[in-house]
Amino acid sequence: MSKVVLRVAQIVGVLVLAGIAISVAVGLVQWILGIALIVAIPVGAYWIYKQVKARRQPPALAAGAPVTLGPGSRATDRRAELEGRAVIDAAGRCGWCGSATLHKDEFGFPTTPLKYHRAEIDAML
């Protein structure tokens, strides 16, 4: 055999092996994506179920929160008034303290003004 034929056979062999390797890698990725999809569907359905179930339950009282006697009681009105101030206004500032920067919790993650000022609101009640 001539050297040219051997060189062509060598190139064809490398290309075939590369094609097989790429096919195995693509097949493995497809298999992993398929398994992830199969697992994600029931987990997502369970998560949605938990979210809907939690939304239907009445909110639990926070520790130390005052107990109100009814929907028209003064404590409820006062709480609603104070919590109504702890929002972001149209200018992007906190309605409670006037800060233009995001409020952050103890871990450094952004939080709502209501959660950030919860202790102050409870102290004023």
PDB file of N, CA and C in Angstrom:
ATOM      1  N   MET A   1       0.840  -1.175   0.000  1.00  0.00           N
ATOM      2  CA  MET A   1       0.000   0.000   0.000  1.00  0.00           C
ATOM      3  C   MET A   1       0.881   1.232   0.000  1.00  0.00           C
ATOM      4  N   SER A   2       0.323   2.244  -0.555  1.00  0.00           N
ATOM      5  CA  SER A   2       1.125   3.458  -0.628  1.00  0.00           C
ATOM      6  C   SER A   2       0.902   4.298   0.621  1.00  0.00           C
ATOM      7  N   LYS A   3       1.794   5.226   0.804  1.00  0.00           N
ATOM      8  CA  LYS A   3       1.707   6.092   1.977  1.00  0.00           C
ATOM      9  C   LYS A   3       0.475   6.990   1.912  1.00  0.00           C
ATOM     10  N   VAL A   4       0.046   7.350   0.757  1.00  0.00           N
ATOM     11  CA  VAL A   4      -1.118   8.218   0.601  1.00  0.00           C
ATOM     12  C   VAL A   4      -2.372   7.495   1.074  1.00  0.00           C
ATOM     13  N   VAL A   5      -2.502   6.224   0.701  1.00  0.00           N
ATOM     14  CA  VAL A   5      -3.678   5.451   1.116  1.00  0.00           C
ATOM     15  C   VAL A   5      -3.689   5.301   2.631  1.00  0.00           C
ATOM     16  N   LEU A   6      -2.519   5.016   3.218  1.00  0.00           N
ATOM     17  CA  LEU A   6      -2.434   4.888   4.672  1.00  0.00           C
ATOM     18  C   LEU A   6      -2.771   6.220   5.363  1.00  0.00           C
ATOM     19  N   ARG A   7      -2.326   7.309   4.815  1.00  0.00           N
ATOM     20  CA  ARG A   7      -2.593   8.626   5.398  1.00  0.00           C
ATOM     21  C   ARG A   7      -4.091   8.957   5.323  1.00  0.00           C
ATOM     22  N   VAL A   8      -4.737   8.641   4.195  1.00  0.00           N
ATOM     23  CA  VAL A   8      -6.172   8.862   4.044  1.00  0.00           C
ATOM     24  C   VAL A   8      -6.947   7.975   5.012  1.00  0.00           C
ATOM     25  N   ALA A   9      -6.525   6.717   5.158  1.00  0.00           N
ATOM     26  CA  ALA A   9      -7.181   5.805   6.094  1.00  0.00           C
ATOM     27  C   ALA A   9      -7.032   6.307   7.530  1.00  0.00           C
ATOM     28  N   GLN A  10      -5.867   6.858   7.833  1.00  0.00           N
ATOM     29  CA  GLN A  10      -5.636   7.385   9.174  1.00  0.00           C
ATOM     30  C   GLN A  10      -6.567   8.589   9.441  1.00  0.00           C
ATOM     31  N   ILE A  11      -6.702   9.484   8.488  1.00  0.00           N
ATOM     32  CA  ILE A  11      -7.558  10.658   8.633  1.00  0.00           C
ATOM     33  C   ILE A  11      -9.018  10.234   8.772  1.00  0.00           C
ATOM     34  N   VAL A  12      -9.439   9.268   7.934  1.00  0.00           N
ATOM     35  CA  VAL A  12     -10.816   8.779   8.006  1.00  0.00           C
ATOM     36  C   VAL A  12     -11.071   8.131   9.364  1.00  0.00           C
ATOM     37  N   GLY A  13     -10.124   7.374   9.879  1.00  0.00           N
ATOM     38  CA  GLY A  13     -10.266   6.730  11.186  1.00  0.00           C
ATOM     39  C   GLY A  13     -10.391   7.745  12.312  1.00  0.00           C
ATOM     40  N   VAL A  14      -9.591   8.812  12.264  1.00  0.00           N
ATOM     41  CA  VAL A  14      -9.666   9.861  13.284  1.00  0.00           C
ATOM     42  C   VAL A  14     -11.016  10.566  13.215  1.00  0.00           C
ATOM     43  N   LEU A  15     -11.486  10.847  12.005  1.00  0.00           N
ATOM     44  CA  LEU A  15     -12.781  11.501  11.857  1.00  0.00           C
ATOM     45  C   LEU A  15     -13.923  10.615  12.355  1.00  0.00           C
ATOM     46  N   VAL A  16     -13.855   9.317  12.088  1.00  0.00           N
ATOM     47  CA  VAL A  16     -14.881   8.388  12.563  1.00  0.00           C
ATOM     48  C   VAL A  16     -14.874   8.329  14.092  1.00  0.00           C
ATOM     49  N   LEU A  17     -13.684   8.239  14.680  1.00  0.00           N
ATOM     50  CA  LEU A  17     -13.592   8.210  16.142  1.00  0.00           C
ATOM     51  C   LEU A  17     -14.089   9.521  16.758  1.00  0.00           C
ATOM     52  N   ALA A  18     -13.785  10.648  16.127  1.00  0.00           N
ATOM     53  CA  ALA A  18     -14.274  11.930  16.625  1.00  0.00           C
ATOM     54  C   ALA A  18     -15.801  11.991  16.524  1.00  0.00           C
ATOM     55  N   GLY A  19     -16.359  11.502  15.455  1.00  0.00           N
ATOM     56  CA  GLY A  19     -17.811  11.457  15.299  1.00  0.00           C
ATOM     57  C   GLY A  19     -18.471  10.590  16.351  1.00  0.00           C
ATOM     58  N   ILE A  20     -17.851   9.450  16.646  1.00  0.00           N
ATOM     59  CA  ILE A  20     -18.392   8.571  17.691  1.00  0.00           C
ATOM     60  C   ILE A  20     -18.330   9.266  19.053  1.00  0.00           C
ATOM     61  N   ALA A  21     -17.217   9.924  19.345  1.00  0.00           N
ATOM     62  CA  ALA A  21     -17.070  10.617  20.632  1.00  0.00           C
ATOM     63  C   ALA A  21     -18.097  11.731  20.774  1.00  0.00           C
ATOM     64  N   ILE A  22     -18.295  12.496  19.699  1.00  0.00           N
ATOM     65  CA  ILE A  22     -19.281  13.578  19.738  1.00  0.00           C
ATOM     66  C   ILE A  22     -20.687  13.011  19.896  1.00  0.00           C
ATOM     67  N   SER A  23     -20.978  11.919  19.215  1.00  0.00           N
ATOM     68  CA  SER A  23     -22.298  11.287  19.325  1.00  0.00           C
ATOM     69  C   SER A  23     -22.558  10.792  20.741  1.00  0.00           C
ATOM     70  N   VAL A  24     -21.551  10.198  21.370  1.00  0.00           N
ATOM     71  CA  VAL A  24     -21.708   9.720  22.748  1.00  0.00           C
ATOM     72  C   VAL A  24     -21.931  10.900  23.689  1.00  0.00           C
ATOM     73  N   ALA A  25     -21.184  11.985  23.496  1.00  0.00           N
ATOM     74  CA  ALA A  25     -21.332  13.161  24.359  1.00  0.00           C
ATOM     75  C   ALA A  25     -22.715  13.783  24.194  1.00  0.00           C
ATOM     76  N   VAL A  26     -23.179  13.926  22.973  1.00  0.00           N
ATOM     77  CA  VAL A  26     -24.505  14.493  22.722  1.00  0.00           C
ATOM     78  C   VAL A  26     -25.585  13.577  23.291  1.00  0.00           C
ATOM     79  N   GLY A  27     -25.431  12.285  23.126  1.00  0.00           N
ATOM     80  CA  GLY A  27     -26.390  11.333  23.684  1.00  0.00           C
ATOM     81  C   GLY A  27     -26.432  11.404  25.200  1.00  0.00           C
ATOM     82  N   LEU A  28     -25.278  11.559  25.830  1.00  0.00           N
ATOM     83  CA  LEU A  28     -25.220  11.671  27.282  1.00  0.00           C
ATOM     84  C   LEU A  28     -25.911  12.952  27.751  1.00  0.00           C
ATOM     85  N   VAL A  29     -25.682  14.049  27.050  1.00  0.00           N
ATOM     86  CA  VAL A  29     -26.329  15.313  27.403  1.00  0.00           C
ATOM     87  C   VAL A  29     -27.843  15.184  27.228  1.00  0.00           C
ATOM     88  N   GLN A  30     -28.302  14.559  26.159  1.00  0.00           N
ATOM     89  CA  GLN A  30     -29.731  14.371  25.956  1.00  0.00           C
ATOM     90  C   GLN A  30     -30.327  13.491  27.048  1.00  0.00           C
ATOM     91  N   TRP A  31     -29.611  12.473  27.446  1.00  0.00           N
ATOM     92  CA  TRP A  31     -30.076  11.583  28.499  1.00  0.00           C
ATOM     93  C   TRP A  31     -30.208  12.342  29.824  1.00  0.00           C
ATOM     94  N   ILE A  32     -29.208  13.153  30.146  1.00  0.00           N
ATOM     95  CA  ILE A  32     -29.248  13.936  31.396  1.00  0.00           C
ATOM     96  C   ILE A  32     -30.402  14.940  31.363  1.00  0.00           C
ATOM     97  N   LEU A  33     -30.606  15.611  30.228  1.00  0.00           N
ATOM     98  CA  LEU A  33     -31.717  16.553  30.112  1.00  0.00           C
ATOM     99  C   LEU A  33     -33.064  15.840  30.227  1.00  0.00           C
ATOM    100  N   GLY A  34     -33.168  14.654  29.668  1.00  0.00           N
ATOM    101  CA  GLY A  34     -34.405  13.880  29.774  1.00  0.00           C
ATOM    102  C   GLY A  34     -34.704  13.489  31.218  1.00  0.00           C
ATOM    103  N   ILE A  35     -33.693  13.029  31.940  1.00  0.00           N
ATOM    104  CA  ILE A  35     -33.873  12.662  33.347  1.00  0.00           C
ATOM    105  C   ILE A  35     -34.244  13.907  34.160  1.00  0.00           C
ATOM    106  N   ALA A  36     -33.581  15.036  33.880  1.00  0.00           N
ATOM    107  CA  ALA A  36     -33.890  16.276  34.608  1.00  0.00           C
ATOM    108  C   ALA A  36     -35.334  16.697  34.351  1.00  0.00           C
ATOM    109  N   LEU A  37     -35.808  16.547  33.131  1.00  0.00           N
ATOM    110  CA  LEU A  37     -37.187  16.889  32.806  1.00  0.00           C
ATOM    111  C   LEU A  37     -38.163  15.956  33.514  1.00  0.00           C
ATOM    112  N   ILE A  38     -37.839  14.671  33.527  1.00  0.00           N
ATOM    113  CA  ILE A  38     -38.707  13.702  34.190  1.00  0.00           C
ATOM    114  C   ILE A  38     -38.793  13.992  35.688  1.00  0.00           C
ATOM    115  N   VAL A  39     -37.698  14.409  36.295  1.00  0.00           N
ATOM    116  CA  VAL A  39     -37.694  14.726  37.722  1.00  0.00           C
ATOM    117  C   VAL A  39     -38.342  16.091  37.971  1.00  0.00           C
ATOM    118  N   ALA A  40     -38.141  17.052  37.081  1.00  0.00           N
ATOM    119  CA  ALA A  40     -38.634  18.415  37.289  1.00  0.00           C
ATOM    120  C   ALA A  40     -40.153  18.503  37.230  1.00  0.00           C
ATOM    121  N   ILE A  41     -40.799  17.678  36.443  1.00  0.00           N
ATOM    122  CA  ILE A  41     -42.250  17.770  36.307  1.00  0.00           C
ATOM    123  C   ILE A  41     -42.960  17.458  37.627  1.00  0.00           C
ATOM    124  N   PRO A  42     -42.703  16.319  38.285  1.00  0.00           N
ATOM    125  CA  PRO A  42     -43.402  16.093  39.561  1.00  0.00           C
ATOM    126  C   PRO A  42     -42.949  17.047  40.674  1.00  0.00           C
ATOM    127  N   VAL A  43     -41.673  17.412  40.686  1.00  0.00           N
ATOM    128  CA  VAL A  43     -41.197  18.339  41.711  1.00  0.00           C
ATOM    129  C   VAL A  43     -41.853  19.707  41.513  1.00  0.00           C
ATOM    130  N   GLY A  44     -41.960  20.166  40.283  1.00  0.00           N
ATOM    131  CA  GLY A  44     -42.628  21.432  40.002  1.00  0.00           C
ATOM    132  C   GLY A  44     -44.108  21.386  40.359  1.00  0.00           C
ATOM    133  N   ALA A  45     -44.755  20.276  40.063  1.00  0.00           N
ATOM    134  CA  ALA A  45     -46.172  20.132  40.409  1.00  0.00           C
ATOM    135  C   ALA A  45     -46.349  20.172  41.922  1.00  0.00           C
ATOM    136  N   TYR A  46     -45.468  19.513  42.665  1.00  0.00           N
ATOM    137  CA  TYR A  46     -45.534  19.527  44.132  1.00  0.00           C
ATOM    138  C   TYR A  46     -45.300  20.934  44.655  1.00  0.00           C
ATOM    139  N   TRP A  47     -44.351  21.673  44.073  1.00  0.00           N
ATOM    140  CA  TRP A  47     -44.067  23.047  44.506  1.00  0.00           C
ATOM    141  C   TRP A  47     -45.281  23.948  44.277  1.00  0.00           C
ATOM    142  N   ILE A  48     -45.915  23.817  43.113  1.00  0.00           N
ATOM    143  CA  ILE A  48     -47.105  24.615  42.819  1.00  0.00           C
ATOM    144  C   ILE A  48     -48.217  24.271  43.797  1.00  0.00           C
ATOM    145  N   TYR A  49     -48.388  22.988  44.102  1.00  0.00           N
ATOM    146  CA  TYR A  49     -49.397  22.560  45.064  1.00  0.00           C
ATOM    147  C   TYR A  49     -49.154  23.196  46.426  1.00  0.00           C
ATOM    148  N   LYS A  50     -47.904  23.203  46.874  1.00  0.00           N
ATOM    149  CA  LYS A  50     -47.563  23.796  48.172  1.00  0.00           C
ATOM    150  C   LYS A  50     -47.822  25.304  48.165  1.00  0.00           C
ATOM    151  N   GLN A  51     -47.511  25.987  47.051  1.00  0.00           N
ATOM    152  CA  GLN A  51     -47.733  27.425  46.963  1.00  0.00           C
ATOM    153  C   GLN A  51     -49.227  27.751  47.025  1.00  0.00           C
ATOM    154  N   VAL A  52     -50.029  26.997  46.321  1.00  0.00           N
ATOM    155  CA  VAL A  52     -51.466  27.237  46.315  1.00  0.00           C
ATOM    156  C   VAL A  52     -52.060  26.921  47.686  1.00  0.00           C
ATOM    157  N   LYS A  53     -51.617  25.842  48.295  1.00  0.00           N
ATOM    158  CA  LYS A  53     -52.107  25.459  49.616  1.00  0.00           C
ATOM    159  C   LYS A  53     -51.730  26.511  50.658  1.00  0.00           C
ATOM    160  N   ALA A  54     -50.516  27.040  50.590  1.00  0.00           N
ATOM    161  CA  ALA A  54     -50.077  28.052  51.546  1.00  0.00           C
ATOM    162  C   ALA A  54     -50.841  29.356  51.336  1.00  0.00           C
ATOM    163  N   ARG A  55     -51.228  29.650  50.124  1.00  0.00           N
ATOM    164  CA  ARG A  55     -51.948  30.883  49.835  1.00  0.00           C
ATOM    165  C   ARG A  55     -53.367  30.823  50.397  1.00  0.00           C
ATOM    166  N   ARG A  56     -53.948  29.619  50.465  1.00  0.00           N
ATOM    167  CA  ARG A  56     -55.308  29.466  50.969  1.00  0.00           C
ATOM    168  C   ARG A  56     -55.374  29.539  52.487  1.00  0.00           C
ATOM    169  N   GLN A  57     -54.280  29.221  53.183  1.00  0.00           N
ATOM    170  CA  GLN A  57     -54.277  29.246  54.638  1.00  0.00           C
ATOM    171  C   GLN A  57     -54.169  30.676  55.137  1.00  0.00           C
ATOM    172  N   PRO A  58     -54.838  30.983  56.251  1.00  0.00           N
ATOM    173  CA  PRO A  58     -54.688  32.325  56.807  1.00  0.00           C
ATOM    174  C   PRO A  58     -53.278  32.491  57.359  1.00  0.00           C
ATOM    175  N   PRO A  59     -52.718  33.690  57.283  1.00  0.00           N
ATOM    176  CA  PRO A  59     -51.352  33.884  57.766  1.00  0.00           C
ATOM    177  C   PRO A  59     -51.276  33.689  59.274  1.00  0.00           C
ATOM    178  N   ALA A  60     -50.193  33.069  59.710  1.00  0.00           N
ATOM    179  CA  ALA A  60     -49.980  32.848  61.130  1.00  0.00           C
ATOM    180  C   ALA A  60     -49.508  34.141  61.777  1.00  0.00           C
ATOM    181  N   LEU A  61     -49.857  34.329  63.034  1.00  0.00           N
ATOM    182  CA  LEU A  61     -49.413  35.514  63.747  1.00  0.00           C
ATOM    183  C   LEU A  61     -47.944  35.396  64.089  1.00  0.00           C
ATOM    184  N   ALA A  62     -47.226  36.475  63.942  1.00  0.00           N
ATOM    185  CA  ALA A  62     -45.816  36.493  64.303  1.00  0.00           C
ATOM    186  C   ALA A  62     -45.693  36.460  65.819  1.00  0.00           C
ATOM    187  N   ALA A  63     -44.564  35.975  66.301  1.00  0.00           N
ATOM    188  CA  ALA A  63     -44.334  35.912  67.735  1.00  0.00           C
ATOM    189  C   ALA A  63     -44.319  37.326  68.298  1.00  0.00           C
ATOM    190  N   GLY A  64     -45.113  37.555  69.311  1.00  0.00           N
ATOM    191  CA  GLY A  64     -45.155  38.869  69.936  1.00  0.00           C
ATOM    192  C   GLY A  64     -46.102  39.835  69.264  1.00  0.00           C
ATOM    193  N   ALA A  65     -46.790  39.404  68.224  1.00  0.00           N
ATOM    194  CA  ALA A  65     -47.725  40.294  67.544  1.00  0.00           C
ATOM    195  C   ALA A  65     -48.974  40.453  68.397  1.00  0.00           C
ATOM    196  N   PRO A  66     -49.509  41.634  68.476  1.00  0.00           N
ATOM    197  CA  PRO A  66     -50.708  41.824  69.291  1.00  0.00           C
ATOM    198  C   PRO A  66     -51.911  41.136  68.651  1.00  0.00           C
ATOM    199  N   VAL A  67     -52.753  40.578  69.478  1.00  0.00           N
ATOM    200  CA  VAL A  67     -53.949  39.900  68.997  1.00  0.00           C
ATOM    201  C   VAL A  67     -55.064  40.927  68.919  1.00  0.00           C
ATOM    202  N   THR A  68     -55.700  41.002  67.773  1.00  0.00           N
ATOM    203  CA  THR A  68     -56.787  41.963  67.597  1.00  0.00           C
ATOM    204  C   THR A  68     -58.108  41.267  67.838  1.00  0.00           C
ATOM    205  N   LEU A  69     -59.106  42.029  68.213  1.00  0.00           N
ATOM    206  CA  LEU A  69     -60.384  41.463  68.570  1.00  0.00           C
ATOM    207  C   LEU A  69     -61.306  41.279  67.377  1.00  0.00           C
ATOM    208  N   GLY A  70     -61.138  42.043  66.353  1.00  0.00           N
ATOM    209  CA  GLY A  70     -62.026  41.918  65.201  1.00  0.00           C
ATOM    210  C   GLY A  70     -61.524  42.762  64.062  1.00  0.00           C
ATOM    211  N   PRO A  71     -62.194  42.664  62.900  1.00  0.00           N
ATOM    212  CA  PRO A  71     -61.713  43.406  61.745  1.00  0.00           C
ATOM    213  C   PRO A  71     -61.856  44.914  61.890  1.00  0.00           C
ATOM    214  N   GLY A  72     -62.738  45.390  62.748  1.00  0.00           N
ATOM    215  CA  GLY A  72     -62.927  46.822  62.881  1.00  0.00           C
ATOM    216  C   GLY A  72     -62.258  47.405  64.116  1.00  0.00           C
ATOM    217  N   SER A  73     -61.418  46.625  64.776  1.00  0.00           N
ATOM    218  CA  SER A  73     -60.812  47.121  66.007  1.00  0.00           C
ATOM    219  C   SER A  73     -59.762  48.178  65.703  1.00  0.00           C
ATOM    220  N   ARG A  74     -59.457  48.982  66.702  1.00  0.00           N
ATOM    221  CA  ARG A  74     -58.508  50.083  66.517  1.00  0.00           C
ATOM    222  C   ARG A  74     -57.099  49.581  66.268  1.00  0.00           C
ATOM    223  N   ALA A  75     -56.721  48.458  66.918  1.00  0.00           N
ATOM    224  CA  ALA A  75     -55.362  47.934  66.740  1.00  0.00           C
ATOM    225  C   ALA A  75     -55.133  47.509  65.288  1.00  0.00           C
ATOM    226  N   THR A  76     -56.148  46.937  64.679  1.00  0.00           N
ATOM    227  CA  THR A  76     -56.032  46.522  63.279  1.00  0.00           C
ATOM    228  C   THR A  76     -55.890  47.742  62.376  1.00  0.00           C
ATOM    229  N   ASP A  77     -56.694  48.769  62.645  1.00  0.00           N
ATOM    230  CA  ASP A  77     -56.610  49.980  61.835  1.00  0.00           C
ATOM    231  C   ASP A  77     -55.245  50.639  61.981  1.00  0.00           C
ATOM    232  N   ARG A  78     -54.733  50.689  63.198  1.00  0.00           N
ATOM    233  CA  ARG A  78     -53.426  51.313  63.433  1.00  0.00           C
ATOM    234  C   ARG A  78     -52.331  50.515  62.746  1.00  0.00           C
ATOM    235  N   ARG A  79     -52.399  49.182  62.859  1.00  0.00           N
ATOM    236  CA  ARG A  79     -51.391  48.335  62.213  1.00  0.00           C
ATOM    237  C   ARG A  79     -51.433  48.532  60.711  1.00  0.00           C
ATOM    238  N   ALA A  80     -52.610  48.547  60.136  1.00  0.00           N
ATOM    239  CA  ALA A  80     -52.743  48.732  58.688  1.00  0.00           C
ATOM    240  C   ALA A  80     -52.192  50.094  58.268  1.00  0.00           C
ATOM    241  N   GLU A  81     -52.436  51.103  59.084  1.00  0.00           N
ATOM    242  CA  GLU A  81     -51.927  52.436  58.768  1.00  0.00           C
ATOM    243  C   GLU A  81     -50.401  52.461  58.785  1.00  0.00           C
ATOM    244  N   LEU A  82     -49.802  51.868  59.824  1.00  0.00           N
ATOM    245  CA  LEU A  82     -48.345  51.867  59.923  1.00  0.00           C
ATOM    246  C   LEU A  82     -47.705  51.013  58.835  1.00  0.00           C
ATOM    247  N   GLU A  83     -48.287  49.842  58.578  1.00  0.00           N
ATOM    248  CA  GLU A  83     -47.737  48.978  57.534  1.00  0.00           C
ATOM    249  C   GLU A  83     -47.925  49.593  56.152  1.00  0.00           C
ATOM    250  N   GLY A  84     -48.939  50.407  55.993  1.00  0.00           N
ATOM    251  CA  GLY A  84     -49.172  51.082  54.721  1.00  0.00           C
ATOM    252  C   GLY A  84     -48.097  52.105  54.392  1.00  0.00           C
ATOM    253  N   ARG A  85     -47.420  52.591  55.411  1.00  0.00           N
ATOM    254  CA  ARG A  85     -46.331  53.544  55.172  1.00  0.00           C
ATOM    255  C   ARG A  85     -45.045  52.853  54.753  1.00  0.00           C
ATOM    256  N   ALA A  86     -44.882  51.583  55.095  1.00  0.00           N
ATOM    257  CA  ALA A  86     -43.641  50.858  54.805  1.00  0.00           C
ATOM    258  C   ALA A  86     -43.713  50.231  53.414  1.00  0.00           C
ATOM    259  N   VAL A  87     -43.738  51.080  52.393  1.00  0.00           N
ATOM    260  CA  VAL A  87     -43.787  50.634  51.001  1.00  0.00           C
ATOM    261  C   VAL A  87     -42.833  51.490  50.186  1.00  0.00           C
ATOM    262  N   ILE A  88     -42.591  51.081  48.966  1.00  0.00           N
ATOM    263  CA  ILE A  88     -41.794  51.886  48.039  1.00  0.00           C
ATOM    264  C   ILE A  88     -42.742  52.869  47.363  1.00  0.00           C
ATOM    265  N   ASP A  89     -42.431  54.161  47.424  1.00  0.00           N
ATOM    266  CA  ASP A  89     -43.302  55.154  46.800  1.00  0.00           C
ATOM    267  C   ASP A  89     -42.985  55.300  45.311  1.00  0.00           C
ATOM    268  N   ALA A  90     -43.676  56.204  44.646  1.00  0.00           N
ATOM    269  CA  ALA A  90     -43.532  56.370  43.201  1.00  0.00           C
ATOM    270  C   ALA A  90     -42.136  56.851  42.810  1.00  0.00           C
ATOM    271  N   ALA A  91     -41.443  57.528  43.718  1.00  0.00           N
ATOM    272  CA  ALA A  91     -40.097  58.016  43.426  1.00  0.00           C
ATOM    273  C   ALA A  91     -39.028  56.961  43.705  1.00  0.00           C
ATOM    274  N   GLY A  92     -39.445  55.779  44.174  1.00  0.00           N
ATOM    275  CA  GLY A  92     -38.487  54.710  44.453  1.00  0.00           C
ATOM    276  C   GLY A  92     -37.855  54.811  45.828  1.00  0.00           C
ATOM    277  N   ARG A  93     -38.469  55.551  46.719  1.00  0.00           N
ATOM    278  CA  ARG A  93     -37.953  55.709  48.083  1.00  0.00           C
ATOM    279  C   ARG A  93     -38.828  54.930  49.052  1.00  0.00           C
ATOM    280  N   CYS A  94     -38.242  54.627  50.212  1.00  0.00           N
ATOM    281  CA  CYS A  94     -38.989  53.950  51.263  1.00  0.00           C
ATOM    282  C   CYS A  94     -39.960  54.945  51.880  1.00  0.00           C
ATOM    283  N   GLY A  95     -41.226  54.566  51.981  1.00  0.00           N
ATOM    284  CA  GLY A  95     -42.222  55.447  52.559  1.00  0.00           C
ATOM    285  C   GLY A  95     -42.064  55.612  54.058  1.00  0.00           C
ATOM    286  N   TRP A  96     -41.361  54.707  54.706  1.00  0.00           N
ATOM    287  CA  TRP A  96     -41.176  54.773  56.152  1.00  0.00           C
ATOM    288  C   TRP A  96     -40.014  55.693  56.534  1.00  0.00           C
ATOM    289  N   CYS A  97     -38.842  55.459  55.916  1.00  0.00           N
ATOM    290  CA  CYS A  97     -37.646  56.221  56.315  1.00  0.00           C
ATOM    291  C   CYS A  97     -37.154  57.178  55.227  1.00  0.00           C
ATOM    292  N   GLY A  98     -37.660  57.054  54.007  1.00  0.00           N
ATOM    293  CA  GLY A  98     -37.261  57.947  52.934  1.00  0.00           C
ATOM    294  C   GLY A  98     -35.968  57.563  52.235  1.00  0.00           C
ATOM    295  N   SER A  99     -35.418  56.396  52.546  1.00  0.00           N
ATOM    296  CA  SER A  99     -34.154  55.967  51.949  1.00  0.00           C
ATOM    297  C   SER A  99     -34.352  55.619  50.475  1.00  0.00           C
ATOM    298  N   ALA A 100     -33.410  56.060  49.639  1.00  0.00           N
ATOM    299  CA  ALA A 100     -33.487  55.760  48.207  1.00  0.00           C
ATOM    300  C   ALA A 100     -32.764  54.467  47.863  1.00  0.00           C
ATOM    301  N   THR A 101     -32.000  53.911  48.813  1.00  0.00           N
ATOM    302  CA  THR A 101     -31.283  52.665  48.563  1.00  0.00           C
ATOM    303  C   THR A 101     -32.132  51.481  48.997  1.00  0.00           C
ATOM    304  N   LEU A 102     -31.819  50.329  48.428  1.00  0.00           N
ATOM    305  CA  LEU A 102     -32.550  49.119  48.795  1.00  0.00           C
ATOM    306  C   LEU A 102     -32.259  48.753  50.245  1.00  0.00           C
ATOM    307  N   HIS A 103     -33.281  48.304  50.939  1.00  0.00           N
ATOM    308  CA  HIS A 103     -33.068  47.783  52.286  1.00  0.00           C
ATOM    309  C   HIS A 103     -32.546  46.364  52.159  1.00  0.00           C
ATOM    310  N   LYS A 104     -31.633  45.977  53.031  1.00  0.00           N
ATOM    311  CA  LYS A 104     -31.060  44.636  52.984  1.00  0.00           C
ATOM    312  C   LYS A 104     -31.221  43.971  54.333  1.00  0.00           C
ATOM    313  N   ASP A 105     -31.446  42.645  54.301  1.00  0.00           N
ATOM    314  CA  ASP A 105     -31.598  41.916  55.553  1.00  0.00           C
ATOM    315  C   ASP A 105     -30.238  41.626  56.169  1.00  0.00           C
ATOM    316  N   GLU A 106     -30.222  40.825  57.233  1.00  0.00           N
ATOM    317  CA  GLU A 106     -28.966  40.573  57.945  1.00  0.00           C
ATOM    318  C   GLU A 106     -27.962  39.779  57.124  1.00  0.00           C
ATOM    319  N   PHE A 107     -28.413  39.150  56.036  1.00  0.00           N
ATOM    320  CA  PHE A 107     -27.512  38.386  55.180  1.00  0.00           C
ATOM    321  C   PHE A 107     -27.070  39.175  53.951  1.00  0.00           C
ATOM    322  N   GLY A 108     -27.572  40.388  53.791  1.00  0.00           N
ATOM    323  CA  GLY A 108     -27.185  41.234  52.679  1.00  0.00           C
ATOM    324  C   GLY A 108     -28.073  41.117  51.459  1.00  0.00           C
ATOM    325  N   PHE A 109     -29.200  40.411  51.569  1.00  0.00           N
ATOM    326  CA  PHE A 109     -30.109  40.260  50.443  1.00  0.00           C
ATOM    327  C   PHE A 109     -31.171  41.364  50.486  1.00  0.00           C
ATOM    328  N   PRO A 110     -31.612  41.854  49.331  1.00  0.00           N
ATOM    329  CA  PRO A 110     -32.648  42.897  49.323  1.00  0.00           C
ATOM    330  C   PRO A 110     -33.938  42.392  49.970  1.00  0.00           C
ATOM    331  N   THR A 111     -34.592  43.262  50.698  1.00  0.00           N
ATOM    332  CA  THR A 111     -35.845  42.911  51.360  1.00  0.00           C
ATOM    333  C   THR A 111     -36.827  44.064  51.213  1.00  0.00           C
ATOM    334  N   THR A 112     -38.072  43.825  51.522  1.00  0.00           N
ATOM    335  CA  THR A 112     -39.099  44.855  51.400  1.00  0.00           C
ATOM    336  C   THR A 112     -39.011  45.816  52.583  1.00  0.00           C
ATOM    337  N   PRO A 113     -39.496  47.040  52.411  1.00  0.00           N
ATOM    338  CA  PRO A 113     -39.496  47.971  53.539  1.00  0.00           C
ATOM    339  C   PRO A 113     -40.318  47.454  54.721  1.00  0.00           C
ATOM    340  N   LEU A 114     -41.397  46.729  54.443  1.00  0.00           N
ATOM    341  CA  LEU A 114     -42.227  46.206  55.519  1.00  0.00           C
ATOM    342  C   LEU A 114     -41.449  45.216  56.381  1.00  0.00           C
ATOM    343  N   LYS A 115     -40.713  44.308  55.753  1.00  0.00           N
ATOM    344  CA  LYS A 115     -39.917  43.353  56.523  1.00  0.00           C
ATOM    345  C   LYS A 115     -38.752  44.043  57.230  1.00  0.00           C
ATOM    346  N   TYR A 116     -38.178  45.026  56.571  1.00  0.00           N
ATOM    347  CA  TYR A 116     -37.018  45.710  57.143  1.00  0.00           C
ATOM    348  C   TYR A 116     -37.409  46.524  58.384  1.00  0.00           C
ATOM    349  N   HIS A 117     -38.570  47.164  58.335  1.00  0.00           N
ATOM    350  CA  HIS A 117     -38.997  48.028  59.431  1.00  0.00           C
ATOM    351  C   HIS A 117     -39.984  47.328  60.373  1.00  0.00           C
ATOM    352  N   ARG A 118     -40.089  46.015  60.325  1.00  0.00           N
ATOM    353  CA  ARG A 118     -41.065  45.273  61.143  1.00  0.00           C
ATOM    354  C   ARG A 118     -40.903  45.569  62.631  1.00  0.00           C
ATOM    355  N   ALA A 119     -39.679  45.585  63.147  1.00  0.00           N
ATOM    356  CA  ALA A 119     -39.472  45.821  64.574  1.00  0.00           C
ATOM    357  C   ALA A 119     -39.931  47.229  64.967  1.00  0.00           C
ATOM    358  N   GLU A 120     -39.670  48.198  64.125  1.00  0.00           N
ATOM    359  CA  GLU A 120     -40.090  49.568  64.410  1.00  0.00           C
ATOM    360  C   GLU A 120     -41.624  49.682  64.405  1.00  0.00           C
ATOM    361  N   ILE A 121     -42.262  49.013  63.465  1.00  0.00           N
ATOM    362  CA  ILE A 121     -43.726  49.044  63.401  1.00  0.00           C
ATOM    363  C   ILE A 121     -44.315  48.396  64.630  1.00  0.00           C
ATOM    364  N   ASP A 122     -43.798  47.236  65.012  1.00  0.00           N
ATOM    365  CA  ASP A 122     -44.299  46.557  66.206  1.00  0.00           C
ATOM    366  C   ASP A 122     -44.062  47.378  67.457  1.00  0.00           C
ATOM    367  N   ALA A 123     -42.939  48.106  67.520  1.00  0.00           N
ATOM    368  CA  ALA A 123     -42.652  48.941  68.686  1.00  0.00           C
ATOM    369  C   ALA A 123     -43.631  50.115  68.782  1.00  0.00           C
ATOM    370  N   MET A 124     -44.100  50.619  67.658  1.00  0.00           N
ATOM    371  CA  MET A 124     -45.024  51.755  67.684  1.00  0.00           C
ATOM    372  C   MET A 124     -46.449  51.328  68.053  1.00  0.00           C
ATOM    373  N   LEU A 125     -46.733  50.032  67.950  1.00  0.00           N
ATOM    374  CA  LEU A 125     -48.068  49.551  68.321  1.00  0.00           C
ATOM    375  C   LEU A 125     -48.072  49.353  69.791  1.00  0.00           C
TER     376      LEU A 125
END
